[in-house]
C-alpha atoms as a PDB file:
ATOM      1  CA  MET A   1      74.362 197.184-200.709  1.00  0.00           C
ATOM      2  CA  ASP A   2      70.745 198.118-200.438  1.00  0.00           C
ATOM      3  CA  LYS A   3      69.404 201.190-198.577  1.00  0.00           C
ATOM      4  CA  ILE A   4      68.442 199.258-195.431  1.00  0.00           C
ATOM      5  CA  GLN A   5      71.862 197.657-195.192  1.00  0.00           C
ATOM      6  CA  LYS A   6      73.706 200.902-195.791  1.00  0.00           C
ATOM      7  CA  SER A   7      71.695 202.670-192.945  1.00  0.00           C
ATOM      8  CA  LYS A   8      72.359 199.843-190.622  1.00  0.00           C
ATOM      9  CA  LYS A   9      76.079 199.983-191.241  1.00  0.00           C
ATOM     10  CA  TYR A  10      76.096 203.500-189.760  1.00  0.00           C
ATOM     11  CA  ASP A  11      73.886 202.610-186.700  1.00  0.00           C
ATOM     12  CA  LEU A  12      76.601 201.825-184.281  1.00  0.00           C
ATOM     13  CA  GLU A  13      74.354 200.328-181.672  1.00  0.00           C
ATOM     14  CA  GLU A  14      73.120 197.847-184.249  1.00  0.00           C
ATOM     15  CA  ARG A  15      76.494 197.346-185.862  1.00  0.00           C
ATOM     16  CA  THR A  16      77.995 196.338-182.396  1.00  0.00           C
ATOM     17  CA  PHE A  17      74.975 194.183-181.679  1.00  0.00           C
ATOM     18  CA  GLU A  18      75.554 192.332-185.019  1.00  0.00           C
ATOM     19  CA  PHE A  19      79.281 191.935-184.299  1.00  0.00           C
ATOM     20  CA  ALA A  20      78.475 190.297-181.023  1.00  0.00           C
ATOM     21  CA  GLN A  21      75.993 187.927-182.591  1.00  0.00           C
ATOM     22  CA  ARG A  22      78.338 187.057-185.526  1.00  0.00           C
ATOM     23  CA  CYS A  23      81.076 186.199-182.903  1.00  0.00           C
ATOM     24  CA  ARG A  24      78.664 183.961-180.982  1.00  0.00           C
ATOM     25  CA  SER A  25      77.720 182.117-184.228  1.00  0.00           C
ATOM     26  CA  PHE A  26      81.375 181.814-185.052  1.00  0.00           C
ATOM     27  CA  VAL A  27      82.285 180.306-181.656  1.00  0.00           C
ATOM     28  CA  LYS A  28      79.502 177.724-182.050  1.00  0.00           C
ATOM     29  CA  LYS A  29      81.180 176.406-185.246  1.00  0.00           C
ATOM     30  CA  LEU A  30      84.764 176.107-183.732  1.00  0.00           C
ATOM     31  CA  PRO A  31      86.129 172.658-183.088  1.00  0.00           C
ATOM     32  CA  ARG A  32      85.294 171.559-179.570  1.00  0.00           C
ATOM     33  CA  THR A  33      88.551 171.628-177.651  1.00  0.00           C
ATOM     34  CA  LEU A  34      89.372 172.849-174.077  1.00  0.00           C
ATOM     35  CA  CYS A  35      91.170 175.855-175.334  1.00  0.00           C
ATOM     36  CA  ASN A  36      88.450 176.981-177.720  1.00  0.00           C
ATOM     37  CA  ARG A  37      85.911 176.531-174.932  1.00  0.00           C
ATOM     38  CA  GLU A  38      87.959 179.051-172.840  1.00  0.00           C
ATOM     39  CA  ASP A  39      89.032 181.444-175.539  1.00  0.00           C
ATOM     40  CA  GLY A  40      85.664 181.261-177.239  1.00  0.00           C
ATOM     41  CA  SER A  41      83.959 182.221-173.943  1.00  0.00           C
ATOM     42  CA  GLN A  42      86.329 185.230-173.618  1.00  0.00           C
ATOM     43  CA  LEU A  43      85.403 186.256-177.224  1.00  0.00           C
ATOM     44  CA  VAL A  44      81.732 186.088-176.451  1.00  0.00           C
ATOM     45  CA  ARG A  45      82.175 188.243-173.379  1.00  0.00           C
ATOM     46  CA  ALA A  46      84.442 190.780-175.018  1.00  0.00           C
ATOM     47  CA  SER A  47      82.367 191.088-178.250  1.00  0.00           C
ATOM     48  CA  GLY A  48      79.213 191.607-176.257  1.00  0.00           C
ATOM     49  CA  SER A  49      80.890 194.230-174.000  1.00  0.00           C
ATOM     50  CA  VAL A  50      81.727 196.336-177.154  1.00  0.00           C
ATOM     51  CA  GLY A  51      78.021 197.144-177.680  1.00  0.00           C
ATOM     52  CA  ALA A  52      76.933 197.087-174.082  1.00  0.00           C
ATOM     53  CA  ASN A  53      79.511 199.725-173.163  1.00  0.00           C
ATOM     54  CA  TYR A  54      78.583 201.845-176.231  1.00  0.00           C
ATOM     55  CA  ILE A  55      74.815 201.732-175.070  1.00  0.00           C
ATOM     56  CA  GLU A  56      76.082 202.836-171.729  1.00  0.00           C
ATOM     57  CA  ALA A  57      78.004 205.718-173.212  1.00  0.00           C
ATOM     58  CA  ASN A  58      74.884 206.917-175.003  1.00  0.00           C
ATOM     59  CA  GLU A  59      73.150 207.068-171.786  1.00  0.00           C
ATOM     60  CA  ALA A  60      76.054 208.712-169.890  1.00  0.00           C
ATOM     61  CA  ILE A  61      75.333 211.229-167.181  1.00  0.00           C
ATOM     62  CA  SER A  62      78.496 213.222-167.910  1.00  0.00           C
ATOM     63  CA  LYS A  63      81.080 213.943-170.516  1.00  0.00           C
ATOM     64  CA  LYS A  64      83.691 212.004-168.428  1.00  0.00           C
ATOM     65  CA  ASP A  65      81.252 208.972-168.014  1.00  0.00           C
ATOM     66  CA  PHE A  66      80.717 209.157-171.919  1.00  0.00           C
ATOM     67  CA  SER A  67      84.392 209.197-172.630  1.00  0.00           C
ATOM     68  CA  HIS A  68      85.110 206.348-170.166  1.00  0.00           C
ATOM     69  CA  ARG A  69      82.471 204.128-171.641  1.00  0.00           C
ATOM     70  CA  ILE A  70      83.804 204.835-175.228  1.00  0.00           C
ATOM     71  CA  LYS A  71      87.262 203.914-174.068  1.00  0.00           C
ATOM     72  CA  ILE A  72      85.953 200.653-172.682  1.00  0.00           C
ATOM     73  CA  SER A  73      84.172 199.926-175.979  1.00  0.00           C
ATOM     74  CA  ARG A  74      87.428 200.489-177.847  1.00  0.00           C
ATOM     75  CA  LYS A  75      89.359 198.240-175.339  1.00  0.00           C
ATOM     76  CA  GLU A  76      86.705 195.468-175.696  1.00  0.00           C
ATOM     77  CA  ALA A  77      87.005 195.609-179.555  1.00  0.00           C
ATOM     78  CA  LYS A  78      90.750 195.235-179.291  1.00  0.00           C
ATOM     79  CA  GLU A  79      90.281 192.435-176.825  1.00  0.00           C
ATOM     80  CA  SER A  80      87.831 190.661-179.232  1.00  0.00           C
ATOM     81  CA  SER A  81      90.501 190.931-181.945  1.00  0.00           C
ATOM     82  CA  PHE A  82      92.979 189.151-179.576  1.00  0.00           C
ATOM     83  CA  TRP A  83      90.621 186.304-178.821  1.00  0.00           C
ATOM     84  CA  LEU A  84      89.741 185.918-182.550  1.00  0.00           C
ATOM     85  CA  ARG A  85      93.509 185.481-183.276  1.00  0.00           C
ATOM     86  CA  LEU A  86      93.808 183.010-180.485  1.00  0.00           C
ATOM     87  CA  VAL A  87      90.970 180.596-181.167  1.00  0.00           C
ATOM     88  CA  ASP A  88      91.804 177.412-183.159  1.00  0.00           C
ATOM     89  CA  THR A  89      89.764 177.030-186.331  1.00  0.00           C
ATOM     90  CA  GLY A  90      91.285 173.605-187.148  1.00  0.00           C
ATOM     91  CA  ALA A  91      92.447 175.056-190.424  1.00  0.00           C
ATOM     92  CA  ILE A  92      88.916 174.995-191.754  1.00  0.00           C
ATOM     93  CA  GLN A  93      88.895 177.497-194.613  1.00  0.00           C
ATOM     94  CA  LEU A  94      85.464 178.842-194.118  1.00  0.00           C
ATOM     95  CA  LEU A  95      86.108 179.442-190.430  1.00  0.00           C
ATOM     96  CA  GLU A  96      89.441 181.175-191.332  1.00  0.00           C
ATOM     97  CA  GLU A  97      87.552 183.424-193.647  1.00  0.00           C
ATOM     98  CA  GLU A  98      84.879 184.137-190.975  1.00  0.00           C
ATOM     99  CA  ARG A  99      87.708 184.884-188.454  1.00  0.00           C
ATOM    100  CA  LYS A 100      89.376 187.270-190.899  1.00  0.00           C
ATOM    101  CA  GLU A 101      85.998 189.228-191.419  1.00  0.00           C
ATOM    102  CA  LEU A 102      85.356 189.406-187.716  1.00  0.00           C
ATOM    103  CA  THR A 103      88.750 190.599-187.060  1.00  0.00           C
ATOM    104  CA  GLU A 104      88.438 193.318-189.682  1.00  0.00           C
ATOM    105  CA  GLU A 105      85.201 194.424-188.165  1.00  0.00           C
ATOM    106  CA  ALA A 106      86.828 194.508-184.655  1.00  0.00           C
ATOM    107  CA  VAL A 107      89.603 196.698-186.004  1.00  0.00           C
ATOM    108  CA  GLU A 108      87.063 198.903-187.729  1.00  0.00           C
ATOM    109  CA  LEU A 109      85.109 199.312-184.468  1.00  0.00           C
ATOM    110  CA  MET A 110      88.386 200.184-182.674  1.00  0.00           C
ATOM    111  CA  LYS A 111      88.944 202.944-185.241  1.00  0.00           C
ATOM    112  CA  ILE A 112      85.439 204.266-184.902  1.00  0.00           C
ATOM    113  CA  PHE A 113      85.633 204.435-181.088  1.00  0.00           C
ATOM    114  CA  SER A 114      89.171 206.054-181.426  1.00  0.00           C
ATOM    115  CA  SER A 115      87.624 208.700-183.578  1.00  0.00           C
ATOM    116  CA  ILE A 116      84.715 209.309-181.143  1.00  0.00           C
ATOM    117  CA  MET A 117      87.249 209.598-178.187  1.00  0.00           C
ATOM    118  CA  ARG A 118      89.324 212.171-180.143  1.00  0.00           C
ATOM    119  CA  LYS A 119      86.184 214.233-181.146  1.00  0.00           C
ATOM    120  CA  SER A 120      84.767 214.172-177.575  1.00  0.00           C
ATOM    121  CA  GLU A 121      87.806 215.449-175.920  1.00  0.00           C
END
């Protein structure tokens, strides 16, 4: 991992943005079924909300507002993980691997937001 990638990994705004982008890219590759259209749409919304609420937290007007936004970011990361489990990859190995990586990132983001919540209380 080069220096630029390493610094990006710890820039949480950028990391959540990249997570949302990767989820969007993943959804575009899924088999076109009615269920994937609905579940993929939910994944796109939830994954984007992770970063959007984190940005809102960074602009919070009070400690309570900050804490609330961080909790929402954590909730949206957890929801993203749910939708990732639900979508149908059609047993395509590359999509299964991508789903696994995205799920791992969603879980890591949940842990990061949990840690931020604990430290801010």
